[in-house]
């Protein structure tokens, strides 16, 4: 099945429609951010219940909101075809972020703790933390795979070529890059092979 690349009418704001792999990766990145937010809320709730000062919790919340907002801006740039956003997501969340997600449980296991014992005595809070962390990890892995699929690679290559063209040449250059000729200012659909 061949993915279609849609080229909008030639104008200063014309954009190439992201392929399904990029759209799905975007959804998975947003899912990862949402899972991180849910986990953060859970940690704040536990810390507050344990009597931690509200002022220190607010600083942590502010830092996380800033980070999540920045990540969502990078995800939006990824959606629009910015290669630098794809690289930032791969390095920042795919590698560094993934390490931060797995180091804590791996360190805990390395300290001699038993996963079987922990799961056997798990309460609802631990079960929720494990479930949210699993969703978070899965979302990052799936998003990383999707954003480097062949149709995603073609999309980023076409978006880069299109961004360097004048408003009148955008549709023609993108049409030529995808294997066909675009016609003037009309919308054109070309098969990305």
N, C-alpha and C. Protein backbone atom coordinates (compact mmCIF):
# COMPACT_ATOMS: atom_id res chain seq x y z
N UNK A 1 0.85 -1.18 0.00
CA UNK A 1 0.00 0.00 0.00
C UNK A 1 0.89 1.23 0.00
N UNK A 2 0.64 2.13 -0.90
CA UNK A 2 1.47 3.31 -1.07
C UNK A 2 0.88 4.49 -0.31
N UNK A 3 1.69 5.15 0.46
CA UNK A 3 1.28 6.33 1.22
C UNK A 3 1.18 7.51 0.28
N UNK A 4 0.14 8.30 0.39
CA UNK A 4 -0.05 9.47 -0.46
C UNK A 4 0.49 10.71 0.24
N UNK A 5 1.17 11.54 -0.52
CA UNK A 5 1.63 12.82 -0.02
C UNK A 5 0.78 13.88 -0.70
N UNK A 6 0.10 14.70 0.07
CA UNK A 6 -0.78 15.72 -0.48
C UNK A 6 -0.06 17.05 -0.43
N UNK A 7 -0.06 17.74 -1.56
CA UNK A 7 0.55 19.05 -1.63
C UNK A 7 -0.58 20.06 -1.75
N UNK A 8 -0.62 21.01 -0.84
CA UNK A 8 -1.67 22.01 -0.81
C UNK A 8 -1.49 23.00 -1.95
N UNK A 9 -2.51 23.80 -2.25
CA UNK A 9 -2.34 24.83 -3.27
C UNK A 9 -1.14 25.70 -2.95
N UNK A 10 -0.46 26.12 -3.98
CA UNK A 10 0.75 26.91 -3.81
C UNK A 10 0.44 28.24 -3.14
N UNK A 11 0.99 28.43 -1.97
CA UNK A 11 0.83 29.68 -1.23
C UNK A 11 1.93 29.73 -0.20
N UNK A 12 2.07 30.86 0.44
CA UNK A 12 3.12 31.01 1.45
C UNK A 12 2.92 30.04 2.61
N UNK A 13 1.69 29.62 2.85
CA UNK A 13 1.44 28.74 3.98
C UNK A 13 1.22 27.28 3.57
N UNK A 14 1.56 26.94 2.33
CA UNK A 14 1.32 25.56 1.89
C UNK A 14 2.18 24.59 2.69
N UNK A 15 1.62 23.43 2.95
CA UNK A 15 2.30 22.41 3.73
C UNK A 15 2.02 21.06 3.10
N UNK A 16 2.93 20.16 3.32
CA UNK A 16 2.74 18.78 2.90
C UNK A 16 2.02 18.08 4.04
N UNK A 17 0.99 17.33 3.71
CA UNK A 17 0.23 16.61 4.73
C UNK A 17 1.09 15.49 5.29
N UNK A 18 1.21 15.41 6.62
CA UNK A 18 2.02 14.34 7.21
C UNK A 18 1.43 12.97 6.89
N UNK A 19 2.28 11.98 6.61
CA UNK A 19 1.78 10.63 6.37
C UNK A 19 1.27 10.01 7.67
N UNK A 20 0.61 8.89 7.54
CA UNK A 20 0.01 8.24 8.71
C UNK A 20 1.05 7.90 9.78
N UNK A 21 2.27 7.55 9.37
CA UNK A 21 3.30 7.22 10.37
C UNK A 21 3.66 8.43 11.23
N UNK A 22 3.72 9.61 10.62
CA UNK A 22 4.03 10.83 11.38
C UNK A 22 2.84 11.22 12.25
N UNK A 23 1.63 11.09 11.72
CA UNK A 23 0.44 11.40 12.52
C UNK A 23 0.35 10.46 13.73
N UNK A 24 0.61 9.16 13.49
CA UNK A 24 0.55 8.19 14.61
C UNK A 24 1.67 8.45 15.61
N UNK A 25 2.88 8.75 15.13
CA UNK A 25 3.99 9.05 16.04
C UNK A 25 3.65 10.26 16.91
N UNK A 26 2.99 11.24 16.31
CA UNK A 26 2.59 12.43 17.08
C UNK A 26 1.64 12.05 18.21
N UNK A 27 0.68 11.19 17.89
CA UNK A 27 -0.26 10.73 18.92
C UNK A 27 0.48 9.99 20.03
N UNK A 28 1.46 9.15 19.65
CA UNK A 28 2.23 8.41 20.67
C UNK A 28 3.10 9.34 21.50
N UNK A 29 3.67 10.41 20.88
CA UNK A 29 4.45 11.36 21.68
C UNK A 29 3.56 12.09 22.68
N UNK A 30 2.36 12.48 22.24
CA UNK A 30 1.44 13.14 23.17
C UNK A 30 1.02 12.17 24.27
N UNK A 31 0.84 10.90 23.92
CA UNK A 31 0.52 9.88 24.93
C UNK A 31 1.65 9.76 25.95
N UNK A 32 2.90 9.79 25.47
CA UNK A 32 4.04 9.72 26.39
C UNK A 32 4.06 10.92 27.34
N UNK A 33 3.78 12.11 26.81
CA UNK A 33 3.73 13.30 27.66
C UNK A 33 2.60 13.17 28.68
N UNK A 34 1.45 12.70 28.23
CA UNK A 34 0.31 12.53 29.14
C UNK A 34 0.63 11.52 30.23
N UNK A 35 1.30 10.42 29.87
CA UNK A 35 1.68 9.42 30.87
C UNK A 35 2.65 10.03 31.87
N UNK A 36 3.60 10.83 31.38
CA UNK A 36 4.53 11.51 32.28
C UNK A 36 3.82 12.45 33.23
N UNK A 37 2.81 13.14 32.71
CA UNK A 37 2.04 14.07 33.54
C UNK A 37 1.25 13.32 34.60
N UNK A 38 0.64 12.21 34.22
CA UNK A 38 -0.12 11.40 35.18
C UNK A 38 0.80 10.88 36.27
N UNK A 39 1.98 10.40 35.86
CA UNK A 39 2.93 9.90 36.85
C UNK A 39 3.39 11.03 37.79
N UNK A 40 3.60 12.22 37.24
CA UNK A 40 4.02 13.36 38.06
C UNK A 40 2.93 13.74 39.06
N UNK A 41 1.69 13.74 38.62
CA UNK A 41 0.58 14.05 39.52
C UNK A 41 0.52 13.02 40.64
N UNK A 42 0.71 11.76 40.29
CA UNK A 42 0.71 10.71 41.31
C UNK A 42 1.83 10.88 42.32
N UNK A 43 3.02 11.23 41.84
CA UNK A 43 4.15 11.45 42.75
C UNK A 43 3.91 12.65 43.67
N UNK A 44 3.32 13.72 43.10
CA UNK A 44 3.02 14.89 43.92
C UNK A 44 1.98 14.54 44.98
N UNK A 45 0.98 13.77 44.60
CA UNK A 45 -0.06 13.38 45.56
C UNK A 45 0.53 12.55 46.69
N UNK A 46 1.42 11.61 46.35
CA UNK A 46 2.05 10.79 47.39
C UNK A 46 2.94 11.65 48.28
N UNK A 47 3.71 12.55 47.67
CA UNK A 47 4.60 13.43 48.46
C UNK A 47 3.80 14.34 49.37
N UNK A 48 2.68 14.87 48.87
CA UNK A 48 1.84 15.73 49.69
C UNK A 48 1.23 14.94 50.85
N UNK A 49 0.82 13.71 50.56
CA UNK A 49 0.25 12.87 51.63
C UNK A 49 1.29 12.51 52.67
N UNK A 50 2.56 12.45 52.26
CA UNK A 50 3.65 12.14 53.19
C UNK A 50 4.10 13.39 53.96
N UNK A 51 3.49 14.55 53.70
CA UNK A 51 3.77 15.75 54.45
C UNK A 51 4.85 16.65 53.87
N UNK A 52 5.22 16.44 52.60
CA UNK A 52 6.23 17.31 51.99
C UNK A 52 5.66 18.72 51.84
N UNK A 53 6.53 19.72 52.00
CA UNK A 53 6.10 21.12 51.95
C UNK A 53 5.53 21.47 50.59
N UNK A 54 4.44 22.21 50.60
CA UNK A 54 3.76 22.61 49.37
C UNK A 54 4.66 23.44 48.47
N UNK A 55 5.53 24.27 49.08
CA UNK A 55 6.40 25.13 48.26
C UNK A 55 7.36 24.31 47.41
N UNK A 56 7.93 23.25 47.96
CA UNK A 56 8.85 22.42 47.18
C UNK A 56 8.09 21.64 46.11
N UNK A 57 6.87 21.25 46.42
CA UNK A 57 6.06 20.55 45.42
C UNK A 57 5.70 21.47 44.25
N UNK A 58 5.43 22.73 44.55
CA UNK A 58 5.07 23.69 43.50
C UNK A 58 6.24 23.95 42.56
N UNK A 59 7.45 23.98 43.08
CA UNK A 59 8.63 24.15 42.23
C UNK A 59 8.74 22.98 41.27
N UNK A 60 8.57 21.77 41.79
CA UNK A 60 8.61 20.58 40.95
C UNK A 60 7.53 20.58 39.89
N UNK A 61 6.34 21.01 40.26
CA UNK A 61 5.23 21.09 39.30
C UNK A 61 5.56 22.11 38.22
N UNK A 62 6.10 23.26 38.62
CA UNK A 62 6.45 24.29 37.64
C UNK A 62 7.50 23.81 36.64
N UNK A 63 8.50 23.10 37.14
CA UNK A 63 9.54 22.56 36.26
C UNK A 63 8.93 21.56 35.28
N UNK A 64 8.09 20.67 35.78
CA UNK A 64 7.49 19.66 34.91
C UNK A 64 6.55 20.28 33.87
N UNK A 65 5.76 21.25 34.27
CA UNK A 65 4.86 21.91 33.31
C UNK A 65 5.68 22.59 32.21
N UNK A 66 6.78 23.21 32.58
CA UNK A 66 7.66 23.85 31.59
C UNK A 66 8.24 22.81 30.63
N UNK A 67 8.72 21.71 31.17
CA UNK A 67 9.30 20.65 30.33
C UNK A 67 8.24 20.05 29.42
N UNK A 68 7.07 19.73 29.96
CA UNK A 68 6.02 19.13 29.13
C UNK A 68 5.56 20.11 28.04
N UNK A 69 5.47 21.38 28.38
CA UNK A 69 5.11 22.38 27.37
C UNK A 69 6.13 22.46 26.25
N UNK A 70 7.42 22.44 26.63
CA UNK A 70 8.49 22.48 25.63
C UNK A 70 8.46 21.24 24.74
N UNK A 71 8.22 20.09 25.34
CA UNK A 71 8.15 18.85 24.56
C UNK A 71 6.98 18.92 23.58
N UNK A 72 5.84 19.42 24.02
CA UNK A 72 4.69 19.53 23.12
C UNK A 72 4.96 20.50 21.97
N UNK A 73 5.73 21.55 22.22
CA UNK A 73 6.12 22.46 21.12
C UNK A 73 7.03 21.74 20.12
N UNK A 74 7.93 20.92 20.62
CA UNK A 74 8.80 20.15 19.73
C UNK A 74 7.97 19.13 18.95
N UNK A 75 7.00 18.50 19.59
CA UNK A 75 6.12 17.55 18.90
C UNK A 75 5.34 18.27 17.79
N UNK A 76 4.88 19.48 18.05
CA UNK A 76 4.18 20.25 17.02
C UNK A 76 5.10 20.56 15.85
N UNK A 77 6.34 20.88 16.12
CA UNK A 77 7.31 21.13 15.05
C UNK A 77 7.58 19.84 14.27
N UNK A 78 7.63 18.72 14.96
CA UNK A 78 7.79 17.42 14.32
C UNK A 78 6.65 17.19 13.33
N UNK A 79 5.44 17.43 13.77
CA UNK A 79 4.24 17.27 12.93
C UNK A 79 4.37 18.10 11.65
N UNK A 80 4.94 19.30 11.77
CA UNK A 80 5.07 20.20 10.62
C UNK A 80 6.27 19.89 9.74
N UNK A 81 7.03 18.84 10.08
CA UNK A 81 8.09 18.39 9.20
C UNK A 81 9.47 18.94 9.50
N UNK A 82 9.68 19.49 10.68
CA UNK A 82 11.00 20.00 11.03
C UNK A 82 11.91 18.84 11.45
N UNK A 83 12.97 18.63 10.66
CA UNK A 83 13.90 17.53 10.95
C UNK A 83 14.57 17.71 12.30
N UNK A 84 14.85 18.94 12.68
CA UNK A 84 15.50 19.18 13.98
C UNK A 84 14.60 18.72 15.13
N UNK A 85 13.29 18.83 14.96
CA UNK A 85 12.37 18.35 15.99
C UNK A 85 12.41 16.83 16.08
N UNK A 86 12.50 16.18 14.93
CA UNK A 86 12.58 14.71 14.93
C UNK A 86 13.86 14.26 15.64
N UNK A 87 14.96 14.93 15.37
CA UNK A 87 16.22 14.59 16.01
C UNK A 87 16.15 14.86 17.52
N UNK A 88 15.58 16.00 17.88
CA UNK A 88 15.44 16.34 19.31
C UNK A 88 14.59 15.31 20.04
N UNK A 89 13.51 14.86 19.42
CA UNK A 89 12.67 13.85 20.06
C UNK A 89 13.42 12.52 20.19
N UNK A 90 14.14 12.14 19.13
CA UNK A 90 14.86 10.87 19.17
C UNK A 90 15.94 10.89 20.24
N UNK A 91 16.71 11.96 20.29
CA UNK A 91 17.80 12.03 21.27
C UNK A 91 17.28 12.36 22.67
N UNK A 92 16.43 13.37 22.76
CA UNK A 92 15.97 13.84 24.06
C UNK A 92 15.03 12.89 24.76
N UNK A 93 14.04 12.39 24.03
CA UNK A 93 13.07 11.50 24.67
C UNK A 93 13.34 10.03 24.37
N UNK A 94 13.76 9.75 23.15
CA UNK A 94 14.01 8.37 22.77
C UNK A 94 15.20 7.76 23.49
N UNK A 95 16.22 8.57 23.78
CA UNK A 95 17.41 8.03 24.45
C UNK A 95 17.47 8.52 25.90
N UNK A 96 17.63 9.82 26.10
CA UNK A 96 17.77 10.35 27.47
C UNK A 96 16.50 10.10 28.29
N UNK A 97 15.35 10.41 27.70
CA UNK A 97 14.09 10.20 28.41
C UNK A 97 13.85 8.74 28.74
N UNK A 98 14.16 7.86 27.78
CA UNK A 98 13.98 6.43 28.03
C UNK A 98 14.89 5.95 29.16
N UNK A 99 16.13 6.44 29.17
CA UNK A 99 17.04 6.08 30.27
C UNK A 99 16.46 6.50 31.61
N UNK A 100 15.88 7.70 31.66
CA UNK A 100 15.31 8.17 32.93
C UNK A 100 14.13 7.31 33.35
N UNK A 101 13.45 6.69 32.39
CA UNK A 101 12.31 5.84 32.73
C UNK A 101 12.72 4.46 33.23
N UNK A 102 13.86 3.96 32.75
CA UNK A 102 14.24 2.60 33.10
C UNK A 102 15.32 2.52 34.17
N UNK A 103 16.07 3.60 34.39
CA UNK A 103 17.15 3.55 35.38
C UNK A 103 16.63 3.29 36.79
N UNK A 104 15.57 3.97 37.18
CA UNK A 104 15.03 3.78 38.54
C UNK A 104 14.62 2.33 38.80
N UNK A 105 13.80 1.71 37.93
CA UNK A 105 13.45 0.31 38.21
C UNK A 105 14.64 -0.64 38.11
N UNK A 106 15.56 -0.38 37.17
CA UNK A 106 16.73 -1.25 37.05
C UNK A 106 17.65 -1.11 38.27
N UNK A 107 17.82 0.10 38.78
CA UNK A 107 18.62 0.31 39.99
C UNK A 107 17.99 -0.39 41.18
N UNK A 108 16.68 -0.31 41.26
CA UNK A 108 15.96 -0.96 42.33
C UNK A 108 16.19 -2.48 42.29
N UNK A 109 16.13 -3.05 41.09
CA UNK A 109 16.40 -4.49 40.95
C UNK A 109 17.86 -4.81 41.25
N UNK A 110 18.78 -3.94 40.82
CA UNK A 110 20.21 -4.16 41.07
C UNK A 110 20.54 -4.12 42.56
N UNK A 111 19.72 -3.44 43.34
CA UNK A 111 19.92 -3.37 44.79
C UNK A 111 19.48 -4.65 45.50
N UNK A 112 19.06 -5.65 44.72
CA UNK A 112 18.69 -6.93 45.30
C UNK A 112 17.21 -7.10 45.60
N UNK A 113 16.40 -6.15 45.20
CA UNK A 113 14.97 -6.26 45.42
C UNK A 113 14.37 -7.29 44.46
N UNK A 114 13.28 -7.88 44.86
CA UNK A 114 12.62 -8.91 44.06
C UNK A 114 11.35 -8.35 43.43
N UNK A 115 11.27 -8.48 42.12
CA UNK A 115 10.08 -8.03 41.40
C UNK A 115 8.86 -8.85 41.83
N UNK A 116 9.06 -10.15 42.00
CA UNK A 116 7.97 -11.02 42.43
C UNK A 116 7.41 -10.62 43.79
N UNK A 117 8.31 -10.32 44.74
CA UNK A 117 7.87 -9.89 46.07
C UNK A 117 7.12 -8.57 46.00
N UNK A 118 7.65 -7.64 45.20
CA UNK A 118 7.01 -6.33 45.07
C UNK A 118 5.63 -6.45 44.45
N UNK A 119 5.52 -7.27 43.42
CA UNK A 119 4.22 -7.43 42.78
C UNK A 119 3.25 -8.19 43.67
N UNK A 120 3.78 -9.12 44.45
CA UNK A 120 2.93 -9.89 45.37
C UNK A 120 2.32 -9.04 46.46
N UNK A 121 3.05 -8.02 46.87
CA UNK A 121 2.54 -7.16 47.95
C UNK A 121 2.11 -5.79 47.42
N UNK A 122 1.91 -5.67 46.12
CA UNK A 122 1.58 -4.38 45.52
C UNK A 122 0.19 -3.91 45.92
N UNK A 123 0.10 -2.62 46.20
CA UNK A 123 -1.20 -2.02 46.44
C UNK A 123 -1.64 -1.32 45.14
N UNK A 124 -2.77 -0.68 45.21
CA UNK A 124 -3.32 -0.02 44.02
C UNK A 124 -2.39 1.07 43.49
N UNK A 125 -1.76 1.82 44.39
CA UNK A 125 -0.87 2.91 43.97
C UNK A 125 0.32 2.36 43.16
N UNK A 126 0.94 1.29 43.64
CA UNK A 126 2.07 0.70 42.92
C UNK A 126 1.61 0.13 41.58
N UNK A 127 0.47 -0.52 41.56
CA UNK A 127 -0.07 -1.06 40.31
C UNK A 127 -0.29 0.04 39.28
N UNK A 128 -0.80 1.19 39.73
CA UNK A 128 -1.02 2.31 38.82
C UNK A 128 0.29 2.89 38.32
N UNK A 129 1.29 3.00 39.20
CA UNK A 129 2.60 3.52 38.79
C UNK A 129 3.21 2.60 37.73
N UNK A 130 3.13 1.30 37.95
CA UNK A 130 3.68 0.34 36.99
C UNK A 130 2.94 0.45 35.65
N UNK A 131 1.62 0.54 35.69
CA UNK A 131 0.83 0.62 34.46
C UNK A 131 1.15 1.91 33.69
N UNK A 132 1.21 3.02 34.39
CA UNK A 132 1.50 4.30 33.73
C UNK A 132 2.92 4.30 33.17
N UNK A 133 3.86 3.77 33.90
CA UNK A 133 5.25 3.70 33.43
C UNK A 133 5.34 2.81 32.19
N UNK A 134 4.61 1.70 32.20
CA UNK A 134 4.60 0.79 31.03
C UNK A 134 4.02 1.49 29.81
N UNK A 135 2.94 2.23 29.99
CA UNK A 135 2.35 2.99 28.87
C UNK A 135 3.34 4.02 28.37
N UNK A 136 4.01 4.71 29.29
CA UNK A 136 4.98 5.75 28.94
C UNK A 136 6.12 5.15 28.11
N UNK A 137 6.68 4.04 28.56
CA UNK A 137 7.77 3.40 27.84
C UNK A 137 7.31 2.91 26.47
N UNK A 138 6.16 2.27 26.43
CA UNK A 138 5.63 1.77 25.15
C UNK A 138 5.39 2.92 24.17
N UNK A 139 4.84 4.02 24.67
CA UNK A 139 4.57 5.17 23.80
C UNK A 139 5.85 5.73 23.18
N UNK A 140 6.91 5.82 23.98
CA UNK A 140 8.19 6.34 23.47
C UNK A 140 8.76 5.39 22.41
N UNK A 141 8.73 4.10 22.69
CA UNK A 141 9.28 3.12 21.74
C UNK A 141 8.50 3.16 20.42
N UNK A 142 7.18 3.12 20.49
CA UNK A 142 6.35 3.12 19.28
C UNK A 142 6.55 4.43 18.51
N UNK A 143 6.58 5.56 19.20
CA UNK A 143 6.77 6.85 18.52
C UNK A 143 8.12 6.89 17.81
N UNK A 144 9.16 6.40 18.45
CA UNK A 144 10.49 6.40 17.83
C UNK A 144 10.51 5.54 16.57
N UNK A 145 9.91 4.37 16.64
CA UNK A 145 9.86 3.50 15.47
C UNK A 145 9.09 4.17 14.34
N UNK A 146 7.93 4.72 14.64
CA UNK A 146 7.09 5.34 13.62
C UNK A 146 7.74 6.56 12.96
N UNK A 147 8.47 7.34 13.73
CA UNK A 147 9.01 8.56 13.15
C UNK A 147 10.21 8.32 12.23
N UNK A 148 10.69 7.07 12.17
CA UNK A 148 11.77 6.75 11.24
C UNK A 148 11.37 5.71 10.20
N UNK A 149 10.07 5.52 10.02
CA UNK A 149 9.59 4.63 8.95
C UNK A 149 9.89 5.27 7.60
N UNK A 150 9.96 4.49 6.53
CA UNK A 150 10.29 5.05 5.21
C UNK A 150 9.39 6.21 4.79
N UNK A 151 8.08 6.11 5.04
CA UNK A 151 7.20 7.21 4.64
C UNK A 151 7.45 8.47 5.48
N UNK A 152 7.87 8.27 6.73
CA UNK A 152 8.25 9.42 7.56
C UNK A 152 9.51 10.07 7.01
N UNK A 153 10.48 9.25 6.63
CA UNK A 153 11.72 9.77 6.05
C UNK A 153 11.44 10.58 4.79
N UNK A 154 10.54 10.06 3.92
CA UNK A 154 10.18 10.81 2.70
C UNK A 154 9.52 12.13 3.04
N UNK A 155 8.64 12.10 4.03
CA UNK A 155 7.94 13.32 4.45
C UNK A 155 8.92 14.40 4.91
N UNK A 156 9.88 14.02 5.73
CA UNK A 156 10.83 15.01 6.22
C UNK A 156 11.74 15.51 5.10
N UNK A 157 12.08 14.66 4.16
CA UNK A 157 12.87 15.10 3.02
C UNK A 157 12.07 16.07 2.14
N UNK A 158 10.81 15.76 1.89
CA UNK A 158 9.97 16.64 1.08
C UNK A 158 9.70 17.96 1.80
N UNK A 159 9.44 17.90 3.09
CA UNK A 159 9.17 19.12 3.86
C UNK A 159 10.38 20.04 3.85
N UNK A 160 11.57 19.44 3.91
CA UNK A 160 12.79 20.25 3.89
C UNK A 160 12.95 20.94 2.54
N UNK A 161 12.74 20.18 1.47
CA UNK A 161 12.86 20.77 0.13
C UNK A 161 11.82 21.86 -0.07
N UNK A 162 10.60 21.62 0.38
CA UNK A 162 9.52 22.58 0.20
C UNK A 162 9.75 23.86 0.99
N UNK A 163 10.36 23.75 2.14
CA UNK A 163 10.55 24.93 2.99
C UNK A 163 11.54 25.92 2.40
N UNK A 164 12.41 25.45 1.53
CA UNK A 164 13.42 26.34 0.94
C UNK A 164 12.98 26.96 -0.36
N UNK A 165 11.76 26.72 -0.79
CA UNK A 165 11.28 27.23 -2.08
C UNK A 165 10.46 28.49 -1.90
N UNK A 166 10.35 29.22 -2.97
CA UNK A 166 9.47 30.40 -2.96
C UNK A 166 8.03 29.93 -2.96
N UNK A 167 7.12 30.83 -2.65
CA UNK A 167 5.71 30.47 -2.59
C UNK A 167 5.22 29.92 -3.92
N UNK A 168 5.66 30.46 -5.04
CA UNK A 168 5.17 29.99 -6.33
C UNK A 168 5.80 28.67 -6.76
N UNK A 169 6.96 28.31 -6.21
CA UNK A 169 7.63 27.10 -6.63
C UNK A 169 7.43 25.93 -5.70
N UNK A 170 6.72 26.12 -4.60
CA UNK A 170 6.59 25.06 -3.62
C UNK A 170 5.92 23.83 -4.18
N UNK A 171 4.75 23.97 -4.80
CA UNK A 171 4.01 22.81 -5.28
C UNK A 171 4.79 22.10 -6.39
N UNK A 172 5.41 22.85 -7.28
CA UNK A 172 6.13 22.22 -8.38
C UNK A 172 7.35 21.46 -7.88
N UNK A 173 8.09 22.06 -6.96
CA UNK A 173 9.30 21.38 -6.49
C UNK A 173 8.96 20.15 -5.67
N UNK A 174 7.90 20.22 -4.86
CA UNK A 174 7.52 19.07 -4.07
C UNK A 174 6.95 17.99 -4.97
N UNK A 175 6.18 18.38 -5.98
CA UNK A 175 5.66 17.40 -6.92
C UNK A 175 6.77 16.68 -7.63
N UNK A 176 7.78 17.42 -8.06
CA UNK A 176 8.92 16.80 -8.74
C UNK A 176 9.69 15.88 -7.79
N UNK A 177 9.82 16.30 -6.53
CA UNK A 177 10.56 15.50 -5.57
C UNK A 177 9.85 14.19 -5.27
N UNK A 178 8.52 14.17 -5.42
CA UNK A 178 7.78 12.95 -5.12
C UNK A 178 7.57 12.09 -6.36
N UNK A 179 8.16 12.48 -7.48
CA UNK A 179 8.11 11.63 -8.65
C UNK A 179 7.14 12.07 -9.72
N UNK A 180 6.52 13.22 -9.57
CA UNK A 180 5.57 13.69 -10.58
C UNK A 180 5.68 15.17 -10.73
N UNK A 181 4.99 15.71 -11.70
CA UNK A 181 5.01 17.16 -11.91
C UNK A 181 3.75 17.75 -11.31
N UNK A 182 3.89 18.82 -10.59
CA UNK A 182 2.74 19.51 -10.03
C UNK A 182 2.29 20.55 -11.03
N UNK A 183 1.04 20.88 -10.98
CA UNK A 183 0.52 21.84 -11.95
C UNK A 183 0.22 23.17 -11.27
N UNK A 184 0.99 24.19 -11.61
CA UNK A 184 0.75 25.56 -11.16
C UNK A 184 0.38 25.65 -9.71
N UNK A 185 -0.75 26.31 -9.43
CA UNK A 185 -1.19 26.52 -8.06
C UNK A 185 -2.24 25.53 -7.62
N UNK A 186 -2.54 24.52 -8.45
CA UNK A 186 -3.55 23.54 -8.07
C UNK A 186 -3.00 22.56 -7.04
N UNK A 187 -3.91 22.03 -6.26
CA UNK A 187 -3.50 20.98 -5.32
C UNK A 187 -3.14 19.75 -6.13
N UNK A 188 -2.14 19.06 -5.70
CA UNK A 188 -1.75 17.85 -6.40
C UNK A 188 -1.48 16.73 -5.41
N UNK A 189 -1.74 15.52 -5.83
CA UNK A 189 -1.49 14.36 -5.00
C UNK A 189 -0.52 13.48 -5.77
N UNK A 190 0.55 13.14 -5.12
CA UNK A 190 1.56 12.30 -5.74
C UNK A 190 1.84 11.12 -4.83
N UNK A 191 2.05 10.00 -5.42
CA UNK A 191 2.38 8.80 -4.66
C UNK A 191 3.83 8.87 -4.24
N UNK A 192 4.10 8.72 -2.94
CA UNK A 192 5.48 8.70 -2.44
C UNK A 192 5.96 7.26 -2.50
N UNK A 193 6.89 7.00 -3.38
CA UNK A 193 7.36 5.63 -3.58
C UNK A 193 8.52 5.32 -2.69
